[in-house]
C-alpha atoms as a PDB file:
ATOM      1  CA  MET A   1      70.046  86.617  15.170  1.00  0.00           C
ATOM      2  CA  VAL A   2      69.634  82.820  15.117  1.00  0.00           C
ATOM      3  CA  ARG A   3      71.307  82.511  18.517  1.00  0.00           C
ATOM      4  CA  ALA A   4      69.124  85.268  19.957  1.00  0.00           C
ATOM      5  CA  ILE A   5      65.962  83.476  18.828  1.00  0.00           C
ATOM      6  CA  ALA A   6      67.232  80.202  20.270  1.00  0.00           C
ATOM      7  CA  ALA A   7      68.060  81.834  23.606  1.00  0.00           C
ATOM      8  CA  GLU A   8      64.579  83.336  23.763  1.00  0.00           C
ATOM      9  CA  THR A   9      62.522  80.319  22.727  1.00  0.00           C
ATOM     10  CA  GLN A  10      64.661  77.487  24.150  1.00  0.00           C
ATOM     11  CA  ARG A  11      62.978  75.184  21.643  1.00  0.00           C
ATOM     12  CA  PRO A  12      65.217  72.186  20.885  1.00  0.00           C
ATOM     13  CA  TYR A  13      65.096  72.793  17.124  1.00  0.00           C
ATOM     14  CA  ASP A  14      66.104  76.441  17.520  1.00  0.00           C
ATOM     15  CA  VAL A  15      68.878  75.647  19.990  1.00  0.00           C
ATOM     16  CA  ALA A  16      70.307  72.848  17.847  1.00  0.00           C
ATOM     17  CA  TYR A  17      70.046  74.891  14.638  1.00  0.00           C
ATOM     18  CA  ALA A  18      71.874  77.786  16.294  1.00  0.00           C
ATOM     19  CA  THR A  19      74.853  75.521  16.910  1.00  0.00           C
ATOM     20  CA  VAL A  20      75.084  74.782  13.180  1.00  0.00           C
ATOM     21  CA  ALA A  21      75.417  78.496  12.441  1.00  0.00           C
ATOM     22  CA  ALA A  22      77.793  79.178  15.340  1.00  0.00           C
ATOM     23  CA  GLY A  23      79.898  76.080  14.662  1.00  0.00           C
ATOM     24  CA  PHE A  24      80.251  76.907  10.977  1.00  0.00           C
ATOM     25  CA  THR A  25      81.299  80.457  11.885  1.00  0.00           C
ATOM     26  CA  TYR A  26      83.989  79.182  14.239  1.00  0.00           C
ATOM     27  CA  MET A  27      85.255  76.808  11.546  1.00  0.00           C
ATOM     28  CA  MET A  28      85.537  79.678   9.058  1.00  0.00           C
ATOM     29  CA  LEU A  29      87.490  81.661  11.673  1.00  0.00           C
ATOM     30  CA  GLY A  30      89.850  78.722  12.147  1.00  0.00           C
ATOM     31  CA  ALA A  31      88.632  78.088  15.705  1.00  0.00           C
ATOM     32  CA  GLN A  32      88.085  74.358  15.250  1.00  0.00           C
ATOM     33  CA  ASP A  33      88.172  73.512  18.978  1.00  0.00           C
ATOM     34  CA  ASP A  34      85.436  76.050  19.688  1.00  0.00           C
ATOM     35  CA  ALA A  35      83.411  74.664  16.786  1.00  0.00           C
ATOM     36  CA  VAL A  36      83.621  71.183  18.308  1.00  0.00           C
ATOM     37  CA  VAL A  37      82.428  72.378  21.727  1.00  0.00           C
ATOM     38  CA  VAL A  38      79.475  74.251  20.253  1.00  0.00           C
ATOM     39  CA  MET A  39      78.336  71.526  17.880  1.00  0.00           C
ATOM     40  CA  GLU A  40      78.703  68.687  20.378  1.00  0.00           C
ATOM     41  CA  LYS A  41      76.135  70.471  22.528  1.00  0.00           C
ATOM     42  CA  GLY A  42      73.852  70.938  19.548  1.00  0.00           C
ATOM     43  CA  LEU A  43      74.151  67.300  18.551  1.00  0.00           C
ATOM     44  CA  GLN A  44      73.158  66.227  22.060  1.00  0.00           C
ATOM     45  CA  VAL A  45      70.067  68.442  21.889  1.00  0.00           C
ATOM     46  CA  ALA A  46      69.102  67.149  18.431  1.00  0.00           C
ATOM     47  CA  ARG A  47      69.539  63.524  19.506  1.00  0.00           C
ATOM     48  CA  ARG A  48      67.496  63.953  22.692  1.00  0.00           C
ATOM     49  CA  ALA A  49      64.705  65.611  20.726  1.00  0.00           C
ATOM     50  CA  GLY A  50      64.882  63.098  17.858  1.00  0.00           C
ATOM     51  CA  ILE A  51      65.440  65.815  15.235  1.00  0.00           C
ATOM     52  CA  GLN A  52      67.099  63.650  12.610  1.00  0.00           C
ATOM     53  CA  ILE A  53      67.619  66.273   9.919  1.00  0.00           C
ATOM     54  CA  LEU A  54      69.569  68.446  12.362  1.00  0.00           C
ATOM     55  CA  GLN A  55      71.575  65.475  13.618  1.00  0.00           C
ATOM     56  CA  ALA A  56      72.837  65.018  10.063  1.00  0.00           C
ATOM     57  CA  SER A  57      73.322  68.760   9.490  1.00  0.00           C
ATOM     58  CA  ILE A  58      75.438  69.116  12.609  1.00  0.00           C
ATOM     59  CA  ALA A  59      77.347  65.888  11.911  1.00  0.00           C
ATOM     60  CA  ARG A  60      78.537  67.037   8.488  1.00  0.00           C
ATOM     61  CA  TYR A  61      80.334  70.008  10.057  1.00  0.00           C
ATOM     62  CA  LEU A  62      81.280  68.379  13.351  1.00  0.00           C
ATOM     63  CA  GLY A  63      82.852  65.398  11.575  1.00  0.00           C
ATOM     64  CA  ARG A  64      85.147  67.698   9.618  1.00  0.00           C
ATOM     65  CA  ALA A  65      85.932  69.711  12.758  1.00  0.00           C
ATOM     66  CA  TYR A  66      86.965  66.503  14.539  1.00  0.00           C
ATOM     67  CA  ALA A  67      89.256  65.644  11.631  1.00  0.00           C
ATOM     68  CA  ALA A  68      90.751  69.145  11.704  1.00  0.00           C
ATOM     69  CA  THR A  69      91.527  68.857  15.433  1.00  0.00           C
ATOM     70  CA  GLY A  70      93.309  65.522  15.050  1.00  0.00           C
ATOM     71  CA  ASP A  71      90.427  63.239  16.042  1.00  0.00           C
ATOM     72  CA  ALA A  72      89.882  61.891  12.543  1.00  0.00           C
ATOM     73  CA  GLU A  73      88.498  58.492  13.554  1.00  0.00           C
ATOM     74  CA  LYS A  74      85.800  60.094  15.680  1.00  0.00           C
ATOM     75  CA  GLY A  75      84.864  62.259  12.710  1.00  0.00           C
ATOM     76  CA  HIS A  76      84.725  59.272  10.363  1.00  0.00           C
ATOM     77  CA  ILE A  77      82.414  57.363  12.720  1.00  0.00           C
ATOM     78  CA  LEU A  78      80.096  60.345  13.127  1.00  0.00           C
ATOM     79  CA  LEU A  79      79.907  60.967   9.375  1.00  0.00           C
ATOM     80  CA  ASP A  80      79.254  57.283   8.661  1.00  0.00           C
ATOM     81  CA  GLU A  81      76.349  57.431  11.136  1.00  0.00           C
ATOM     82  CA  ALA A  82      75.050  60.591   9.477  1.00  0.00           C
ATOM     83  CA  LEU A  83      75.187  58.948   6.052  1.00  0.00           C
ATOM     84  CA  LYS A  84      73.183  55.958   7.264  1.00  0.00           C
ATOM     85  CA  LEU A  85      70.595  58.351   8.657  1.00  0.00           C
ATOM     86  CA  THR A  86      70.293  60.512   5.539  1.00  0.00           C
ATOM     87  CA  ARG A  87      70.112  57.492   3.222  1.00  0.00           C
ATOM     88  CA  SER A  88      67.394  55.852   5.307  1.00  0.00           C
ATOM     89  CA  GLN A  89      65.369  59.073   5.246  1.00  0.00           C
ATOM     90  CA  GLY A  90      65.867  59.681   1.517  1.00  0.00           C
ATOM     91  CA  LEU A  91      67.545  63.037   2.131  1.00  0.00           C
ATOM     92  CA  ALA A  92      69.538  63.316  -1.083  1.00  0.00           C
ATOM     93  CA  GLY A  93      70.949  66.771  -0.435  1.00  0.00           C
ATOM     94  CA  LEU A  94      72.222  65.952   3.036  1.00  0.00           C
ATOM     95  CA  THR A  95      73.534  62.601   1.818  1.00  0.00           C
ATOM     96  CA  ALA A  96      75.612  64.441  -0.781  1.00  0.00           C
ATOM     97  CA  TRP A  97      76.912  66.935   1.767  1.00  0.00           C
ATOM     98  CA  CYS A  98      77.718  64.238   4.344  1.00  0.00           C
ATOM     99  CA  SER A  99      79.449  62.070   1.750  1.00  0.00           C
ATOM    100  CA  SER A 100      81.482  65.068   0.626  1.00  0.00           C
ATOM    101  CA  ALA A 101      82.393  65.845   4.243  1.00  0.00           C
ATOM    102  CA  LEU A 102      83.453  62.216   4.773  1.00  0.00           C
ATOM    103  CA  GLY A 103      85.632  62.377   1.673  1.00  0.00           C
ATOM    104  CA  HIS A 104      87.304  65.567   2.845  1.00  0.00           C
ATOM    105  CA  ALA A 105      87.862  64.052   6.299  1.00  0.00           C
ATOM    106  CA  HIS A 106      89.656  61.062   4.739  1.00  0.00           C
ATOM    107  CA  MET A 107      91.882  63.133   2.426  1.00  0.00           C
ATOM    108  CA  SER A 108      94.735  63.362   4.912  1.00  0.00           C
ATOM    109  CA  GLY A 109      94.782  59.588   5.399  1.00  0.00           C
ATOM    110  CA  ASP A 110      92.885  56.961   3.423  1.00  0.00           C
ATOM    111  CA  THR A 111      92.770  58.561  -0.023  1.00  0.00           C
ATOM    112  CA  ALA A 112      90.989  55.544  -1.556  1.00  0.00           C
ATOM    113  CA  ARG A 113      88.084  55.964   0.868  1.00  0.00           C
ATOM    114  CA  ALA A 114      88.204  59.704   0.292  1.00  0.00           C
ATOM    115  CA  GLU A 115      87.805  59.243  -3.455  1.00  0.00           C
ATOM    116  CA  THR A 116      84.952  56.737  -3.033  1.00  0.00           C
ATOM    117  CA  ALA A 117      83.022  59.097  -0.746  1.00  0.00           C
ATOM    118  CA  LEU A 118      83.663  62.114  -2.975  1.00  0.00           C
ATOM    119  CA  GLN A 119      82.566  60.236  -6.098  1.00  0.00           C
ATOM    120  CA  GLU A 120      79.317  59.271  -4.362  1.00  0.00           C
ATOM    121  CA  ALA A 121      78.759  62.900  -3.380  1.00  0.00           C
ATOM    122  CA  LEU A 122      79.475  64.068  -6.929  1.00  0.00           C
ATOM    123  CA  THR A 123      77.085  61.513  -8.440  1.00  0.00           C
ATOM    124  CA  ILE A 124      74.216  62.570  -6.162  1.00  0.00           C
ATOM    125  CA  ALA A 125      74.976  66.267  -6.540  1.00  0.00           C
ATOM    126  CA  THR A 126      75.098  66.026 -10.338  1.00  0.00           C
ATOM    127  CA  GLU A 127      71.851  64.051 -10.481  1.00  0.00           C
ATOM    128  CA  HIS A 128      70.032  66.602  -8.323  1.00  0.00           C
ATOM    129  CA  SER A 129      71.875  69.735  -9.527  1.00  0.00           C
ATOM    130  CA  TYR A 130      73.366  70.563  -6.126  1.00  0.00           C
ATOM    131  CA  THR A 131      75.965  72.895  -7.600  1.00  0.00           C
ATOM    132  CA  PRO A 132      77.850  73.838  -4.391  1.00  0.00           C
ATOM    133  CA  VAL A 133      78.428  70.157  -3.584  1.00  0.00           C
ATOM    134  CA  GLN A 134      79.548  69.520  -7.158  1.00  0.00           C
ATOM    135  CA  ALA A 135      82.012  72.401  -6.966  1.00  0.00           C
ATOM    136  CA  GLN A 136      83.571  71.347  -3.671  1.00  0.00           C
ATOM    137  CA  THR A 137      83.832  67.668  -4.591  1.00  0.00           C
ATOM    138  CA  LEU A 138      85.351  68.408  -8.002  1.00  0.00           C
ATOM    139  CA  ARG A 139      87.978  70.550  -6.340  1.00  0.00           C
ATOM    140  CA  ALA A 140      88.779  67.807  -3.811  1.00  0.00           C
ATOM    141  CA  LEU A 141      88.887  65.114  -6.491  1.00  0.00           C
ATOM    142  CA  GLY A 142      91.222  67.297  -8.518  1.00  0.00           C
ATOM    143  CA  GLU A 143      93.566  67.566  -5.556  1.00  0.00           C
ATOM    144  CA  LEU A 144      93.518  63.780  -5.127  1.00  0.00           C
ATOM    145  CA  ARG A 145      94.321  63.278  -8.825  1.00  0.00           C
ATOM    146  CA  LEU A 146      97.278  65.628  -8.511  1.00  0.00           C
ATOM    147  CA  ARG A 147      98.561  63.759  -5.451  1.00  0.00           C
ATOM    148  CA  ALA A 148      98.210  60.496  -7.366  1.00  0.00           C
ATOM    149  CA  GLY A 149     100.510  61.784 -10.110  1.00  0.00           C
ATOM    150  CA  ASP A 150      97.827  62.557 -12.692  1.00  0.00           C
ATOM    151  CA  PRO A 151      98.118  66.315 -13.311  1.00  0.00           C
ATOM    152  CA  ALA A 152      96.157  66.132 -16.581  1.00  0.00           C
ATOM    153  CA  GLY A 153      93.229  64.472 -14.824  1.00  0.00           C
ATOM    154  CA  ALA A 154      93.529  66.998 -12.012  1.00  0.00           C
ATOM    155  CA  GLU A 155      93.422  69.889 -14.486  1.00  0.00           C
ATOM    156  CA  ALA A 156      90.194  68.644 -16.058  1.00  0.00           C
ATOM    157  CA  LEU A 157      88.455  68.313 -12.681  1.00  0.00           C
ATOM    158  CA  LEU A 158      89.751  71.616 -11.345  1.00  0.00           C
ATOM    159  CA  ARG A 159      88.675  73.577 -14.409  1.00  0.00           C
ATOM    160  CA  ARG A 160      85.152  72.227 -13.937  1.00  0.00           C
ATOM    161  CA  ALA A 161      85.310  73.246 -10.273  1.00  0.00           C
ATOM    162  CA  ILE A 162      86.485  76.744 -11.202  1.00  0.00           C
ATOM    163  CA  VAL A 163      83.577  77.294 -13.591  1.00  0.00           C
ATOM    164  CA  LEU A 164      81.093  76.294 -10.887  1.00  0.00           C
ATOM    165  CA  THR A 165      82.716  78.204  -8.026  1.00  0.00           C
ATOM    166  CA  GLU A 166      82.952  81.375 -10.119  1.00  0.00           C
ATOM    167  CA  GLY A 167      79.306  81.066 -11.094  1.00  0.00           C
ATOM    168  CA  MET A 168      78.219  80.564  -7.475  1.00  0.00           C
ATOM    169  CA  GLY A 169      80.498  83.215  -5.980  1.00  0.00           C
ATOM    170  CA  MET A 170      82.265  80.579  -3.824  1.00  0.00           C
ATOM    171  CA  ARG A 171      85.448  82.609  -3.490  1.00  0.00           C
ATOM    172  CA  PRO A 172      87.321  80.518  -0.872  1.00  0.00           C
ATOM    173  CA  ASP A 173      86.779  77.381  -2.972  1.00  0.00           C
ATOM    174  CA  LEU A 174      87.667  79.288  -6.132  1.00  0.00           C
ATOM    175  CA  ALA A 175      90.951  80.440  -4.611  1.00  0.00           C
ATOM    176  CA  GLY A 176      91.781  76.898  -3.517  1.00  0.00           C
ATOM    177  CA  ALA A 177      90.913  75.428  -6.894  1.00  0.00           C
ATOM    178  CA  ARG A 178      93.095  77.962  -8.715  1.00  0.00           C
ATOM    179  CA  ARG A 179      95.989  77.300  -6.345  1.00  0.00           C
ATOM    180  CA  THR A 180      95.762  73.544  -6.904  1.00  0.00           C
ATOM    181  CA  LEU A 181      95.372  74.066 -10.655  1.00  0.00           C
ATOM    182  CA  ALA A 182      98.621  76.034 -10.622  1.00  0.00           C
ATOM    183  CA  GLY A 183     100.326  72.979  -9.152  1.00  0.00           C
ATOM    184  CA  ALA A 184      98.842  70.731 -11.821  1.00  0.00           C
ATOM    185  CA  LEU A 185      99.920  73.060 -14.626  1.00  0.00           C
ATOM    186  CA  ARG A 186     103.407  73.295 -13.195  1.00  0.00           C
ATOM    187  CA  ALA A 187     103.616  69.493 -13.092  1.00  0.00           C
ATOM    188  CA  LEU A 188     102.658  69.518 -16.783  1.00  0.00           C
ATOM    189  CA  GLY A 189     105.482  71.956 -17.574  1.00  0.00           C
ATOM    190  CA  ARG A 190     103.118  74.869 -18.316  1.00  0.00           C
ATOM    191  CA  ASN A 191     104.788  77.326 -15.975  1.00  0.00           C
ATOM    192  CA  ALA A 192     103.439  80.530 -17.520  1.00  0.00           C
ATOM    193  CA  GLU A 193      99.833  79.333 -17.111  1.00  0.00           C
ATOM    194  CA  ALA A 194     100.645  78.184 -13.571  1.00  0.00           C
ATOM    195  CA  SER A 195     101.877  81.674 -12.674  1.00  0.00           C
ATOM    196  CA  VAL A 196      98.602  83.199 -13.892  1.00  0.00           C
ATOM    197  CA  GLU A 197      96.625  80.835 -11.650  1.00  0.00           C
ATOM    198  CA  ASP A 198      98.914  81.508  -8.684  1.00  0.00           C
ATOM    199  CA  GLU A 199      98.403  85.248  -9.098  1.00  0.00           C
ATOM    200  CA  ALA A 200      94.636  84.833  -9.367  1.00  0.00           C
ATOM    201  CA  ALA A 201      94.584  82.688  -6.208  1.00  0.00           C
ATOM    202  CA  ALA A 202      96.742  85.228  -4.353  1.00  0.00           C
ATOM    203  CA  THR A 203      94.428  88.089  -5.350  1.00  0.00           C
ATOM    204  CA  LEU A 204      91.406  86.167  -4.121  1.00  0.00           C
ATOM    205  CA  GLY A 205      93.253  85.295  -0.919  1.00  0.00           C
ATOM    206  CA  LEU A 206      93.934  88.951  -0.164  1.00  0.00           C
ATOM    207  CA  ALA A 207      90.259  89.780  -0.667  1.00  0.00           C
ATOM    208  CA  LEU A 208      89.287  87.003   1.759  1.00  0.00           C
ATOM    209  CA  ARG A 209      91.549  88.059   4.613  1.00  0.00           C
ATOM    210  CA  PRO A 210      89.805  88.354   8.012  1.00  0.00           C
ATOM    211  CA  THR A 211      88.844  91.846   9.121  1.00  0.00           C
ATOM    212  CA  PRO A 212      91.746  93.467  11.044  1.00  0.00           C
ATOM    213  CA  ALA A 213      91.067  93.789  14.782  1.00  0.00           C
ATOM    214  CA  GLU A 214      91.028  97.601  14.647  1.00  0.00           C
ATOM    215  CA  ALA A 215      88.385  97.559  11.897  1.00  0.00           C
ATOM    216  CA  ARG A 216      85.979  95.081  13.504  1.00  0.00           C
ATOM    217  CA  THR A 217      82.445  96.175  14.287  1.00  0.00           C
ATOM    218  CA  PRO A 218      80.870  95.756  17.757  1.00  0.00           C
ATOM    219  CA  ASP A 219      79.023  92.699  16.425  1.00  0.00           C
ATOM    220  CA  ASP A 220      82.320  91.115  15.288  1.00  0.00           C
ATOM    221  CA  LEU A 221      83.847  91.716  18.708  1.00  0.00           C
ATOM    222  CA  ALA A 222      80.792  90.302  20.481  1.00  0.00           C
ATOM    223  CA  LEU A 223      81.065  87.087  18.472  1.00  0.00           C
ATOM    224  CA  LEU A 224      84.694  86.657  19.473  1.00  0.00           C
ATOM    225  CA  SER A 225      84.394  87.754  23.120  1.00  0.00           C
ATOM    226  CA  PRO A 226      85.385  85.200  25.789  1.00  0.00           C
ATOM    227  CA  GLU A 227      82.009  85.581  27.502  1.00  0.00           C
ATOM    228  CA  ARG A 228      80.269  84.250  24.370  1.00  0.00           C
ATOM    229  CA  LYS A 229      82.945  81.820  23.347  1.00  0.00           C
ATOM    230  CA  HIS A 230      80.985  78.579  23.691  1.00  0.00           C
ATOM    231  CA  LEU A 231      77.461  78.791  22.293  1.00  0.00           C
ATOM    232  CA  PRO A 232      74.625  78.395  22.738  1.00  0.00           C
END
């Protein structure tokens, strides 16, 4: 629907906004390269039109997509630029999201920078009650604590994340948090509790499986068709 409106109006805001929706969809499908192509176009449109809020919105997804495709440094630079923009405009919500995205992008490399960015995101999100950002950053911080050899600290953070993700219906994040919690509990020698969390994560994972090809609707197939691969 968003893409159809954008195609009809050709207004820069509509076109750029459509790339946020399409890019996010590709990321959820695991098509990171396609997400990059789509969102790069949207970012160009937003920059030419001077639509700052969409520049930041696109950057928070595009930065993570760059990191996922092996171009981490490009993602870090883009997210740093987005953070400067959102801070200068007083956009607390987008600042939290961009800081969280920067933290996630650094998790596979500079874990100190990842923790700093995630803590900033958590502070802003807690102050303004941005629950989804709180949930995602708590989960990521819990994973970092576990990697650092602090399973007890990881457990505390992950249990907070689980409460929030359950309350918000954030099932992919809930499954990830339970899986990481299982690792923390196992490191603490609480194997029976770890098994319960593993089973819960597995059950959620089954429920989140992509629709089998034979069961896809015409709309699903249209989204994935080669003719509409790179949008808008």
